[in-house]
């Protein structure tokens, strides 16, 4: 599966963390572990880029919002992006 296909599939699915996606994919018998891990790494990379983009938007609109400890910032991102708390 190409990176473009992976990204298209990611956009069509509900937002989920790379680990949630990996758990789901590991239960499918027809995919190789190598392919699953490759896709999971790509998802994680995109999610890290998404976090940085989110932090940039937040600091531009409300500079004081992220002046808290790192755990709170990650929690805010998870709540807004995945509509869930850290697991």
Protein backbone atom coordinates (compact mmCIF):
# COMPACT_ATOMS: atom_id res chain seq x y z
CA UNK A 1 0.00 0.00 0.00
CA UNK A 2 1.47 3.38 -0.97
CA UNK A 3 1.80 6.33 1.41
CA UNK A 4 -0.92 8.15 -0.57
CA UNK A 5 -3.30 5.22 -0.07
CA UNK A 6 -2.46 5.09 3.64
CA UNK A 7 -3.17 8.82 4.03
CA UNK A 8 -6.42 8.54 2.07
CA UNK A 9 -7.56 5.66 4.29
CA UNK A 10 -6.61 7.66 7.40
CA UNK A 11 -8.72 10.63 6.25
CA UNK A 12 -11.74 8.41 5.60
CA UNK A 13 -11.61 6.74 9.01
CA UNK A 14 -12.63 8.15 12.37
CA UNK A 15 -9.71 9.74 14.13
CA UNK A 16 -7.82 7.29 16.24
CA UNK A 17 -4.34 7.12 17.64
CA UNK A 18 -1.67 5.12 15.87
CA UNK A 19 -1.74 2.61 18.72
CA UNK A 20 -5.53 2.18 18.50
CA UNK A 21 -5.20 1.65 14.75
CA UNK A 22 -2.33 -0.82 15.26
CA UNK A 23 -4.40 -2.84 17.72
CA UNK A 24 -7.26 -3.03 15.22
CA UNK A 25 -4.98 -3.99 12.32
CA UNK A 26 -3.17 -6.70 14.28
CA UNK A 27 -6.44 -8.60 14.48
CA UNK A 28 -6.68 -8.84 10.68
CA UNK A 29 -5.11 -12.10 9.54
CA UNK A 30 -4.38 -11.08 5.95
CA UNK A 31 -1.87 -8.27 6.64
CA UNK A 32 1.80 -8.88 7.34
CA UNK A 33 3.27 -7.49 10.55
CA UNK A 34 5.87 -5.63 8.48
CA UNK A 35 3.15 -3.80 6.50
CA UNK A 36 1.15 -3.04 9.64
CA UNK A 37 4.20 -1.58 11.40
CA UNK A 38 5.10 0.50 8.33
CA UNK A 39 1.60 1.97 8.27
CA UNK A 40 1.61 2.57 12.04
CA UNK A 41 4.90 4.47 11.80
CA UNK A 42 3.47 6.66 9.03
CA UNK A 43 0.38 7.38 11.15
CA UNK A 44 2.52 8.28 14.15
CA UNK A 45 4.59 10.67 12.02
CA UNK A 46 1.43 12.37 10.73
CA UNK A 47 0.04 12.61 14.26
CA UNK A 48 3.24 14.27 15.52
CA UNK A 49 3.04 16.77 12.66
CA UNK A 50 -0.62 17.31 13.57
CA UNK A 51 0.35 18.04 17.19
CA UNK A 52 2.89 20.65 16.10
CA UNK A 53 0.38 22.26 13.72
CA UNK A 54 -2.26 22.29 16.48
CA UNK A 55 0.19 23.90 18.93
CA UNK A 56 1.07 26.54 16.34
CA UNK A 57 -2.62 27.39 15.74
CA UNK A 58 -3.35 27.53 19.46
CA UNK A 59 -0.42 29.78 20.29
CA UNK A 60 -1.34 32.15 17.47
CA UNK A 61 -4.95 32.49 18.63
CA UNK A 62 -4.38 32.29 22.42
CA UNK A 63 -0.69 32.53 23.39
CA UNK A 64 -1.32 31.97 27.10
CA UNK A 65 -3.32 28.77 26.60
CA UNK A 66 -0.29 26.50 26.37
CA UNK A 67 1.56 28.07 29.29
CA UNK A 68 1.06 25.02 31.44
CA UNK A 69 2.91 21.78 32.00
CA UNK A 70 3.54 19.40 29.10
CA UNK A 71 1.05 16.76 30.30
CA UNK A 72 -1.79 19.30 30.18
CA UNK A 73 -0.86 20.34 26.63
CA UNK A 74 -0.88 16.73 25.41
CA UNK A 75 -4.20 16.11 27.20
CA UNK A 76 -5.74 19.17 25.48
CA UNK A 77 -4.53 17.95 22.08
CA UNK A 78 -5.89 14.43 22.64
CA UNK A 79 -9.28 15.74 23.77
CA UNK A 80 -9.63 18.04 20.77
CA UNK A 81 -8.21 15.66 18.16
CA UNK A 82 -9.36 12.21 19.21
CA UNK A 83 -12.21 13.23 21.55
CA UNK A 84 -10.74 10.98 24.20
CA UNK A 85 -8.40 11.12 27.15
CA UNK A 86 -5.00 9.44 27.17
CA UNK A 87 -5.33 5.72 27.71
